Every structure is written in C-alpha cells, then in structure tokens.
N, C-alpha and C. Protein backbone atom coordinates (compact mmCIF):
# COMPACT_ATOMS: atom_id res chain seq x y z
N MET A 1 -67.50 -23.81 -103.33
CA MET A 1 -66.27 -23.52 -102.65
C MET A 1 -66.57 -23.28 -101.17
N ARG A 2 -65.75 -23.83 -100.28
CA ARG A 2 -65.91 -23.70 -98.84
C ARG A 2 -64.69 -22.98 -98.28
N LEU A 3 -64.93 -21.96 -97.45
CA LEU A 3 -63.86 -21.19 -96.86
C LEU A 3 -63.95 -21.34 -95.35
N THR A 4 -62.89 -21.79 -94.71
CA THR A 4 -62.83 -21.93 -93.26
C THR A 4 -61.81 -20.94 -92.74
N VAL A 5 -62.24 -20.12 -91.80
CA VAL A 5 -61.34 -19.13 -91.22
C VAL A 5 -60.97 -19.61 -89.83
N GLN A 6 -59.68 -19.73 -89.58
CA GLN A 6 -59.20 -20.12 -88.28
C GLN A 6 -58.40 -18.97 -87.70
N SER A 7 -58.59 -18.71 -86.46
CA SER A 7 -57.88 -17.63 -85.80
C SER A 7 -56.76 -18.22 -84.96
N ASP A 8 -55.63 -17.57 -85.00
CA ASP A 8 -54.51 -17.99 -84.16
C ASP A 8 -54.56 -17.30 -82.80
N ASP A 9 -55.60 -16.51 -82.58
CA ASP A 9 -55.73 -15.80 -81.31
C ASP A 9 -56.24 -16.76 -80.24
N ASN A 10 -55.37 -17.09 -79.33
CA ASN A 10 -55.74 -17.95 -78.22
C ASN A 10 -55.99 -17.04 -77.02
N ARG A 11 -57.17 -17.14 -76.43
CA ARG A 11 -57.49 -16.34 -75.26
C ARG A 11 -57.12 -17.10 -73.99
N SER A 12 -56.70 -16.35 -73.01
CA SER A 12 -56.28 -16.93 -71.73
C SER A 12 -57.47 -17.55 -71.01
N PRO A 13 -57.28 -18.70 -70.36
CA PRO A 13 -58.38 -19.29 -69.58
C PRO A 13 -58.72 -18.42 -68.37
N LEU A 14 -59.94 -18.56 -67.91
CA LEU A 14 -60.41 -17.82 -66.74
C LEU A 14 -60.38 -18.76 -65.54
N ALA A 15 -59.52 -18.47 -64.58
CA ALA A 15 -59.43 -19.26 -63.35
C ALA A 15 -60.42 -18.73 -62.33
N GLN A 16 -61.18 -19.61 -61.73
CA GLN A 16 -62.16 -19.25 -60.70
C GLN A 16 -61.93 -20.16 -59.48
N ALA A 17 -61.24 -19.62 -58.48
CA ALA A 17 -60.92 -20.41 -57.28
C ALA A 17 -62.08 -20.45 -56.29
N GLY A 18 -63.10 -19.65 -56.49
CA GLY A 18 -64.25 -19.63 -55.58
C GLY A 18 -64.12 -18.54 -54.55
N PRO A 19 -65.18 -18.34 -53.75
CA PRO A 19 -65.17 -17.28 -52.74
C PRO A 19 -64.34 -17.66 -51.53
N ASP A 20 -63.80 -16.65 -50.85
CA ASP A 20 -63.09 -16.88 -49.59
C ASP A 20 -64.08 -17.44 -48.57
N TYR A 21 -63.58 -18.23 -47.61
CA TYR A 21 -64.48 -18.77 -46.60
C TYR A 21 -63.73 -19.09 -45.32
N ALA A 22 -64.48 -19.42 -44.27
CA ALA A 22 -63.92 -19.77 -42.97
C ALA A 22 -64.51 -21.10 -42.54
N ALA A 23 -63.72 -21.88 -41.81
CA ALA A 23 -64.17 -23.16 -41.25
C ALA A 23 -63.32 -23.47 -40.02
N ALA A 24 -63.83 -24.37 -39.20
CA ALA A 24 -63.14 -24.72 -37.97
C ALA A 24 -62.08 -25.79 -38.21
N LEU A 25 -61.01 -25.69 -37.45
CA LEU A 25 -59.94 -26.67 -37.50
C LEU A 25 -60.53 -28.06 -37.26
N GLY A 26 -60.18 -29.01 -38.08
CA GLY A 26 -60.73 -30.36 -37.98
C GLY A 26 -61.93 -30.56 -38.88
N GLY A 27 -62.44 -29.50 -39.49
CA GLY A 27 -63.58 -29.59 -40.40
C GLY A 27 -63.13 -29.91 -41.81
N ASN A 28 -64.07 -29.87 -42.74
CA ASN A 28 -63.78 -30.12 -44.15
C ASN A 28 -63.35 -28.83 -44.83
N PHE A 29 -62.24 -28.88 -45.53
CA PHE A 29 -61.73 -27.74 -46.27
C PHE A 29 -61.56 -28.17 -47.71
N LEU A 30 -62.30 -27.53 -48.61
CA LEU A 30 -62.23 -27.90 -50.02
C LEU A 30 -61.84 -26.70 -50.87
N LEU A 31 -61.09 -26.98 -51.92
CA LEU A 31 -60.79 -26.00 -52.95
C LEU A 31 -61.49 -26.48 -54.21
N ASP A 32 -62.17 -25.58 -54.91
CA ASP A 32 -62.97 -25.98 -56.06
C ASP A 32 -62.78 -25.00 -57.21
N GLY A 33 -62.15 -25.46 -58.27
CA GLY A 33 -61.91 -24.64 -59.45
C GLY A 33 -62.84 -24.99 -60.59
N ALA A 34 -63.96 -25.67 -60.31
CA ALA A 34 -64.86 -26.16 -61.36
C ALA A 34 -65.52 -25.05 -62.17
N SER A 35 -65.56 -23.83 -61.64
CA SER A 35 -66.16 -22.72 -62.39
C SER A 35 -65.18 -22.09 -63.39
N SER A 36 -63.96 -22.58 -63.41
CA SER A 36 -62.97 -22.07 -64.36
C SER A 36 -63.39 -22.47 -65.77
N SER A 37 -62.96 -21.66 -66.76
CA SER A 37 -63.37 -21.94 -68.14
C SER A 37 -62.34 -21.41 -69.13
N ASP A 38 -62.51 -21.83 -70.37
CA ASP A 38 -61.68 -21.34 -71.46
C ASP A 38 -62.61 -20.94 -72.60
N ALA A 39 -62.53 -19.69 -73.01
CA ALA A 39 -63.42 -19.17 -74.05
C ALA A 39 -63.22 -19.86 -75.39
N ASP A 40 -62.05 -20.44 -75.59
CA ASP A 40 -61.76 -21.13 -76.85
C ASP A 40 -62.19 -22.60 -76.81
N GLY A 41 -62.62 -23.06 -75.64
CA GLY A 41 -63.03 -24.46 -75.52
C GLY A 41 -61.87 -25.43 -75.37
N ASP A 42 -60.66 -24.91 -75.11
CA ASP A 42 -59.50 -25.79 -74.94
C ASP A 42 -59.61 -26.58 -73.64
N PRO A 43 -59.09 -27.81 -73.62
CA PRO A 43 -59.06 -28.57 -72.36
C PRO A 43 -58.14 -27.87 -71.36
N LEU A 44 -58.50 -27.96 -70.09
CA LEU A 44 -57.77 -27.25 -69.05
C LEU A 44 -57.04 -28.20 -68.11
N THR A 45 -55.91 -27.75 -67.61
CA THR A 45 -55.21 -28.43 -66.52
C THR A 45 -55.18 -27.46 -65.34
N PHE A 46 -55.11 -28.02 -64.14
CA PHE A 46 -55.21 -27.23 -62.92
C PHE A 46 -53.99 -27.46 -62.05
N LEU A 47 -53.60 -26.41 -61.31
CA LEU A 47 -52.52 -26.53 -60.34
C LEU A 47 -52.82 -25.61 -59.16
N TRP A 48 -53.00 -26.23 -58.00
CA TRP A 48 -53.23 -25.48 -56.76
C TRP A 48 -51.90 -25.37 -56.04
N THR A 49 -51.57 -24.16 -55.54
CA THR A 49 -50.37 -23.96 -54.73
C THR A 49 -50.75 -23.16 -53.50
N THR A 50 -50.01 -23.38 -52.42
CA THR A 50 -50.23 -22.62 -51.20
C THR A 50 -49.23 -21.48 -51.16
N LEU A 51 -49.68 -20.34 -50.69
CA LEU A 51 -48.81 -19.18 -50.62
C LEU A 51 -48.27 -19.00 -49.20
N VAL A 52 -48.34 -20.07 -48.40
CA VAL A 52 -47.78 -20.09 -47.05
C VAL A 52 -46.88 -21.31 -46.93
N ASP A 53 -46.31 -21.50 -45.78
CA ASP A 53 -45.42 -22.63 -45.52
C ASP A 53 -46.16 -23.95 -45.73
N PRO A 54 -45.69 -24.79 -46.67
CA PRO A 54 -46.39 -26.06 -46.93
C PRO A 54 -46.31 -27.06 -45.78
N ASP A 55 -45.47 -26.77 -44.77
CA ASP A 55 -45.43 -27.66 -43.60
C ASP A 55 -46.61 -27.42 -42.67
N ILE A 56 -47.28 -26.26 -42.81
CA ILE A 56 -48.41 -25.92 -41.95
C ILE A 56 -49.72 -26.40 -42.56
N ILE A 57 -49.76 -26.45 -43.87
CA ILE A 57 -51.00 -26.83 -44.56
C ILE A 57 -50.62 -27.62 -45.80
N SER A 58 -51.37 -28.66 -46.10
CA SER A 58 -51.06 -29.45 -47.30
C SER A 58 -52.28 -29.57 -48.20
N ILE A 59 -52.00 -29.71 -49.48
CA ILE A 59 -53.03 -29.88 -50.49
C ILE A 59 -53.05 -31.35 -50.87
N VAL A 60 -54.20 -31.99 -50.80
CA VAL A 60 -54.30 -33.44 -51.03
C VAL A 60 -53.90 -33.80 -52.47
N ASP A 61 -54.48 -33.14 -53.47
CA ASP A 61 -54.16 -33.40 -54.88
C ASP A 61 -54.05 -32.06 -55.60
N SER A 62 -52.85 -31.55 -55.74
CA SER A 62 -52.65 -30.19 -56.26
C SER A 62 -52.98 -30.05 -57.74
N GLU A 63 -53.16 -31.15 -58.47
CA GLU A 63 -53.44 -31.08 -59.90
C GLU A 63 -54.89 -31.43 -60.25
N SER A 64 -55.75 -31.45 -59.24
CA SER A 64 -57.16 -31.77 -59.44
C SER A 64 -57.99 -30.49 -59.46
N VAL A 65 -59.09 -30.51 -60.22
CA VAL A 65 -59.97 -29.34 -60.27
C VAL A 65 -60.58 -29.08 -58.89
N GLN A 66 -60.89 -30.13 -58.15
CA GLN A 66 -61.40 -30.04 -56.79
C GLN A 66 -60.50 -30.86 -55.89
N THR A 67 -60.13 -30.29 -54.76
CA THR A 67 -59.25 -31.00 -53.85
C THR A 67 -59.50 -30.55 -52.42
N ALA A 68 -58.96 -31.30 -51.50
CA ALA A 68 -59.08 -30.97 -50.07
C ALA A 68 -57.75 -30.39 -49.59
N ILE A 69 -57.85 -29.60 -48.53
CA ILE A 69 -56.65 -29.11 -47.86
C ILE A 69 -56.70 -29.55 -46.42
N ILE A 70 -55.52 -29.72 -45.84
CA ILE A 70 -55.43 -30.16 -44.45
C ILE A 70 -54.59 -29.16 -43.67
N PRO A 71 -55.25 -28.25 -42.93
CA PRO A 71 -54.50 -27.30 -42.10
C PRO A 71 -54.13 -27.94 -40.77
N LEU A 72 -52.94 -27.62 -40.27
CA LEU A 72 -52.50 -28.14 -38.98
C LEU A 72 -52.70 -27.13 -37.85
N LEU A 73 -52.81 -25.86 -38.22
CA LEU A 73 -52.94 -24.80 -37.22
C LEU A 73 -54.00 -23.79 -37.66
N PRO A 74 -54.64 -23.11 -36.72
CA PRO A 74 -55.55 -22.02 -37.09
C PRO A 74 -54.74 -20.91 -37.76
N GLY A 75 -55.39 -20.17 -38.63
CA GLY A 75 -54.73 -19.06 -39.31
C GLY A 75 -55.44 -18.71 -40.59
N THR A 76 -54.86 -17.78 -41.33
CA THR A 76 -55.40 -17.36 -42.61
C THR A 76 -54.46 -17.85 -43.69
N TYR A 77 -54.99 -18.62 -44.63
CA TYR A 77 -54.19 -19.25 -45.68
C TYR A 77 -54.69 -18.83 -47.05
N THR A 78 -53.76 -18.50 -47.93
CA THR A 78 -54.12 -18.12 -49.29
C THR A 78 -53.58 -19.16 -50.25
N PHE A 79 -54.43 -19.54 -51.20
CA PHE A 79 -54.07 -20.53 -52.22
C PHE A 79 -54.22 -19.89 -53.59
N GLN A 80 -53.39 -20.33 -54.50
CA GLN A 80 -53.49 -19.83 -55.88
C GLN A 80 -53.86 -20.99 -56.79
N LEU A 81 -54.83 -20.73 -57.66
CA LEU A 81 -55.23 -21.69 -58.68
C LEU A 81 -54.66 -21.21 -60.01
N GLN A 82 -53.90 -22.09 -60.67
CA GLN A 82 -53.41 -21.81 -62.02
C GLN A 82 -54.14 -22.74 -62.98
N VAL A 83 -54.77 -22.14 -63.99
CA VAL A 83 -55.50 -22.90 -64.99
C VAL A 83 -54.79 -22.69 -66.32
N SER A 84 -54.44 -23.78 -66.98
CA SER A 84 -53.71 -23.68 -68.24
C SER A 84 -54.49 -24.35 -69.36
N ASP A 85 -54.43 -23.74 -70.55
CA ASP A 85 -55.02 -24.35 -71.75
C ASP A 85 -53.92 -24.98 -72.61
N GLY A 86 -52.74 -25.12 -72.05
CA GLY A 86 -51.60 -25.69 -72.77
C GLY A 86 -50.69 -24.62 -73.34
N THR A 87 -51.20 -23.39 -73.46
CA THR A 87 -50.40 -22.29 -73.98
C THR A 87 -50.39 -21.11 -73.01
N LEU A 88 -51.57 -20.73 -72.55
CA LEU A 88 -51.71 -19.60 -71.64
C LEU A 88 -52.20 -20.06 -70.27
N ILE A 89 -51.94 -19.21 -69.27
CA ILE A 89 -52.31 -19.54 -67.89
C ILE A 89 -53.14 -18.40 -67.31
N GLY A 90 -54.21 -18.76 -66.62
CA GLY A 90 -55.01 -17.81 -65.84
C GLY A 90 -54.86 -18.16 -64.37
N THR A 91 -54.89 -17.17 -63.49
CA THR A 91 -54.73 -17.44 -62.06
C THR A 91 -55.83 -16.75 -61.26
N ASP A 92 -56.10 -17.30 -60.09
CA ASP A 92 -57.04 -16.72 -59.13
C ASP A 92 -56.63 -17.19 -57.75
N ASP A 93 -56.87 -16.36 -56.74
CA ASP A 93 -56.54 -16.70 -55.36
C ASP A 93 -57.80 -16.89 -54.54
N ILE A 94 -57.66 -17.70 -53.49
CA ILE A 94 -58.73 -17.88 -52.50
C ILE A 94 -58.08 -17.87 -51.13
N THR A 95 -58.75 -17.22 -50.18
CA THR A 95 -58.25 -17.17 -48.80
C THR A 95 -59.20 -17.98 -47.92
N VAL A 96 -58.59 -18.83 -47.08
CA VAL A 96 -59.35 -19.68 -46.17
C VAL A 96 -58.94 -19.32 -44.75
N LEU A 97 -59.93 -18.96 -43.94
CA LEU A 97 -59.69 -18.67 -42.53
C LEU A 97 -59.98 -19.93 -41.73
N VAL A 98 -58.97 -20.43 -41.05
CA VAL A 98 -59.12 -21.62 -40.21
C VAL A 98 -59.23 -21.15 -38.77
N THR A 99 -60.37 -21.44 -38.14
CA THR A 99 -60.62 -20.99 -36.77
C THR A 99 -60.46 -22.16 -35.81
N THR A 100 -60.37 -21.84 -34.52
CA THR A 100 -60.25 -22.89 -33.51
C THR A 100 -61.61 -23.44 -33.12
N GLU A 101 -62.67 -22.66 -33.36
CA GLU A 101 -64.01 -23.10 -32.99
C GLU A 101 -64.90 -23.15 -34.22
N GLY A 102 -65.86 -24.02 -34.18
CA GLY A 102 -66.82 -24.12 -35.27
C GLY A 102 -67.94 -23.11 -35.10
N ASN A 103 -69.08 -23.44 -35.60
CA ASN A 103 -70.24 -22.59 -35.50
C ASN A 103 -70.74 -22.63 -34.06
N VAL A 104 -70.57 -21.54 -33.37
CA VAL A 104 -70.92 -21.47 -31.96
C VAL A 104 -72.35 -20.96 -31.82
N THR A 105 -73.13 -21.59 -30.93
CA THR A 105 -74.50 -21.15 -30.67
C THR A 105 -74.48 -19.74 -30.10
N PRO A 106 -75.26 -18.83 -30.65
CA PRO A 106 -75.28 -17.47 -30.11
C PRO A 106 -75.85 -17.45 -28.70
N ILE A 107 -75.37 -16.51 -27.90
CA ILE A 107 -75.84 -16.35 -26.52
C ILE A 107 -76.64 -15.06 -26.44
N SER A 108 -77.85 -15.18 -25.91
CA SER A 108 -78.72 -14.03 -25.78
C SER A 108 -78.69 -13.55 -24.33
N LYS A 109 -78.45 -12.24 -24.16
CA LYS A 109 -78.44 -11.66 -22.81
C LYS A 109 -79.43 -10.51 -22.80
N ALA A 110 -80.53 -10.69 -22.06
CA ALA A 110 -81.58 -9.67 -21.99
C ALA A 110 -81.24 -8.59 -20.97
N GLY A 111 -80.25 -8.78 -20.16
CA GLY A 111 -79.89 -7.80 -19.14
C GLY A 111 -80.43 -8.23 -17.78
N PRO A 112 -80.23 -7.37 -16.78
CA PRO A 112 -80.69 -7.72 -15.43
C PRO A 112 -82.21 -7.71 -15.34
N GLN A 113 -82.72 -8.40 -14.31
CA GLN A 113 -84.15 -8.44 -14.05
C GLN A 113 -84.65 -7.03 -13.80
N GLN A 114 -85.77 -6.68 -14.40
CA GLN A 114 -86.31 -5.34 -14.24
C GLN A 114 -87.74 -5.41 -13.75
N SER A 115 -88.16 -4.33 -13.05
CA SER A 115 -89.54 -4.20 -12.59
C SER A 115 -90.15 -3.00 -13.30
N PRO A 116 -91.44 -3.09 -13.61
CA PRO A 116 -92.07 -1.93 -14.25
C PRO A 116 -92.12 -0.75 -13.30
N SER A 117 -92.00 0.46 -13.81
CA SER A 117 -92.00 1.65 -12.96
C SER A 117 -93.41 2.03 -12.52
N THR A 118 -94.41 1.65 -13.25
CA THR A 118 -95.80 1.90 -12.84
C THR A 118 -96.48 0.55 -12.70
N PRO A 119 -97.33 0.43 -11.70
CA PRO A 119 -97.99 -0.85 -11.50
C PRO A 119 -98.94 -1.18 -12.67
N VAL A 120 -98.99 -2.42 -12.99
CA VAL A 120 -99.88 -2.90 -14.05
C VAL A 120 -101.12 -3.46 -13.38
N PRO A 121 -102.32 -2.95 -13.75
CA PRO A 121 -103.54 -3.47 -13.09
C PRO A 121 -103.74 -4.94 -13.44
N ARG A 122 -104.26 -5.66 -12.47
CA ARG A 122 -104.48 -7.09 -12.68
C ARG A 122 -105.64 -7.33 -13.62
N ARG A 123 -106.70 -6.58 -13.47
CA ARG A 123 -107.87 -6.74 -14.33
C ARG A 123 -108.21 -5.41 -14.94
N GLN A 124 -108.61 -5.48 -16.13
CA GLN A 124 -109.08 -4.27 -16.77
C GLN A 124 -110.50 -4.51 -17.22
N ARG A 125 -111.34 -3.51 -17.08
CA ARG A 125 -112.71 -3.62 -17.53
C ARG A 125 -112.80 -3.01 -18.91
N PHE A 126 -113.47 -3.72 -19.76
CA PHE A 126 -113.67 -3.24 -21.11
C PHE A 126 -115.15 -2.98 -21.31
N SER A 127 -115.44 -1.94 -22.02
CA SER A 127 -116.85 -1.68 -22.33
C SER A 127 -117.27 -2.62 -23.44
N ARG A 128 -118.52 -2.96 -23.41
CA ARG A 128 -119.02 -3.87 -24.43
C ARG A 128 -119.28 -3.10 -25.71
N CYS A 129 -118.95 -3.71 -26.76
CA CYS A 129 -119.18 -3.11 -28.07
C CYS A 129 -120.19 -3.94 -28.81
N ARG A 130 -121.05 -3.27 -29.54
CA ARG A 130 -122.00 -3.98 -30.37
C ARG A 130 -121.68 -3.69 -31.81
N TRP A 131 -121.69 -4.70 -32.58
CA TRP A 131 -121.50 -4.55 -34.01
C TRP A 131 -122.85 -4.47 -34.68
N ARG A 132 -123.01 -3.59 -35.56
CA ARG A 132 -124.30 -3.44 -36.22
C ARG A 132 -124.17 -3.66 -37.66
C-alpha cells in the first residue's frame, strides 16, 4: 500500500528586488528579480511597477524577471517587484538614485606649501657598526 500526503498549504513566494543603488543619468539601469523564489517550487510570474510618475521613468519590460529602466531626470525612484505563484503574491521594493554625474575622480588637497620649523641637516654622519 502506498500513501501520498499532499498539503493544500501554499506558501507565498519570496520577492527579491535586489539592493538599492545609484548610477549616473545616461548609464545602465537594471532591475533584477532573479533571486526571487517560491518554497513550494511553483513557477513564478513577475511584475515591476514604478512608484513615481511613469512619464519621468519607464520600465522596458515590466513582466520580465530582469529588465532595464530609462530615467529622464535625476532623482530618487522606487520600484516594486510583485512575484506571483498563481495564487499568492510576494512584494519587494528597490530604490534607485539617479545622479547627474558618474563616478568622479577624487581630488586630493594636501594644503598650502609648508616649510619645516627646524632646519634639516643636509648630511648626517653615522657611526660604523660591526656585526659579530
């Protein structure tokens, strides 16, 4: 005799929109929900939405696990990822900071030219050492 136990308990999928990040206007902006999962092993569908005015920023393919976004202006934009297993939905948000400048080379400033307060001798005499 074979007994198969099936549970009707469907667990909600886990949406993982990824870490918040910053990039320069005109650069590559990607949304990646590939780390999302379902503990029951159910197939997942994805839906990306913007929580700001869609005229300022657009999502290339809102139903793809990975997609690009196109910001028109600098600013802070929040997106929501909805992951569905066909019955339940899990959500996660990601914030993208769009800056006007990219990675700027740091500038080092040592300060004004300085002179030592005590004169430094030009030559120093050292005693000879013998190793034994």
